[in-house]
Amino acid sequence: MTDKNAAAPVESMSFEDALRELEGIVETLEQGRGSLDDAIAAYERGAALKKHCQKKLEEARLKVEKIKLDESGQPSGTTEFDA
């Protein structure tokens, strides 16, 4: 993994960066490059990235659900969102 984010803490990554790194890990694992130890480490990092992406998607889904609509169905504001 030579990605610039490979050493970045997963929790601080944006969804897009985490997904990009996860895609790179999947590609590397599918091609069978590297040692077994590297593959295990990549798999573990990939699992953490997947969990992080799922969390970010769920947060986004909840935010969208919190958008208030007026009587005509137009957005009229938001309600508070607690993660």
Protein backbone atom coordinates (compact mmCIF):
# COMPACT_ATOMS: atom_id res chain seq x y z
CA MET A 1 0.00 0.00 0.00
CA THR A 2 1.73 3.12 -1.15
CA ASP A 3 -1.34 5.32 -0.82
CA LYS A 4 -0.65 8.63 0.93
CA ASN A 5 -3.54 7.86 3.34
CA ALA A 6 -2.26 4.40 4.28
CA ALA A 7 -0.83 5.69 7.56
CA ALA A 8 -3.70 8.12 8.26
CA PRO A 9 -5.96 7.27 11.19
CA VAL A 10 -9.13 5.83 9.71
CA GLU A 11 -11.39 7.87 12.00
CA SER A 12 -10.05 11.16 10.61
CA MET A 13 -10.46 10.24 6.94
CA SER A 14 -13.19 11.56 4.70
CA PHE A 15 -15.59 9.06 3.18
CA GLU A 16 -14.05 9.59 -0.25
CA ASP A 17 -10.46 9.07 0.93
CA ALA A 18 -11.41 5.97 2.91
CA LEU A 19 -13.31 4.50 -0.03
CA ARG A 20 -10.43 5.23 -2.42
CA GLU A 21 -7.96 3.49 -0.11
CA LEU A 22 -10.35 0.57 0.39
CA GLU A 23 -10.67 0.15 -3.39
CA GLY A 24 -6.87 0.09 -3.65
CA ILE A 25 -6.63 -2.57 -0.96
CA VAL A 26 -9.23 -4.73 -2.69
CA GLU A 27 -7.37 -4.42 -5.99
CA THR A 28 -4.06 -5.36 -4.36
CA LEU A 29 -5.57 -8.35 -2.56
CA GLU A 30 -7.34 -9.54 -5.72
CA GLN A 31 -4.06 -9.46 -7.62
CA GLY A 32 -2.30 -11.44 -4.90
CA ARG A 33 0.63 -9.04 -4.66
CA GLY A 34 2.79 -9.00 -1.54
CA SER A 35 3.43 -11.35 1.33
CA LEU A 36 0.89 -13.10 3.50
CA ASP A 37 1.68 -10.74 6.38
CA ASP A 38 1.08 -7.74 4.09
CA ALA A 39 -2.20 -9.27 2.93
CA ILE A 40 -3.37 -9.80 6.51
CA ALA A 41 -2.47 -6.22 7.47
CA ALA A 42 -4.20 -4.91 4.34
CA TYR A 43 -7.30 -6.97 5.12
CA GLU A 44 -7.42 -5.61 8.68
CA ARG A 45 -7.03 -2.04 7.43
CA GLY A 46 -9.68 -2.70 4.80
CA ALA A 47 -12.10 -3.96 7.44
CA ALA A 48 -11.58 -0.77 9.46
CA LEU A 49 -12.05 1.37 6.34
CA LYS A 50 -15.26 -0.49 5.44
CA LYS A 51 -16.66 0.07 8.93
CA HIS A 52 -15.74 3.77 8.74
CA CYS A 53 -17.41 4.16 5.33
CA GLN A 54 -20.57 2.45 6.60
CA LYS A 55 -20.65 4.80 9.60
CA LYS A 56 -20.25 7.87 7.36
CA LEU A 57 -23.04 6.66 5.06
CA GLU A 58 -25.36 6.07 8.01
CA GLU A 59 -24.62 9.56 9.37
CA ALA A 60 -25.41 11.05 5.96
CA ARG A 61 -28.64 9.04 5.72
CA LEU A 62 -29.76 10.29 9.13
CA LYS A 63 -28.95 13.89 8.19
CA VAL A 64 -31.05 13.59 5.03
CA GLU A 65 -33.93 12.16 7.06
CA LYS A 66 -33.75 15.20 9.36
CA ILE A 67 -34.46 17.68 6.56
CA LYS A 68 -37.82 19.34 7.19
CA LEU A 69 -40.30 19.76 4.37
CA ASP A 70 -43.06 22.36 4.25
CA GLU A 71 -46.64 21.66 3.15
CA SER A 72 -45.66 21.83 -0.53
CA GLY A 73 -42.82 19.35 -0.05
CA GLN A 74 -40.04 21.92 -0.28
CA PRO A 75 -37.09 21.87 2.16
CA SER A 76 -37.74 24.38 4.93
CA GLY A 77 -34.85 23.73 7.28
CA THR A 78 -33.46 20.92 9.35
CA THR A 79 -33.94 19.45 12.77
CA GLU A 80 -30.97 18.87 15.02
CA PHE A 81 -28.90 15.80 14.31
CA ASP A 82 -27.06 13.96 17.06
CA ALA A 83 -24.52 11.44 15.83
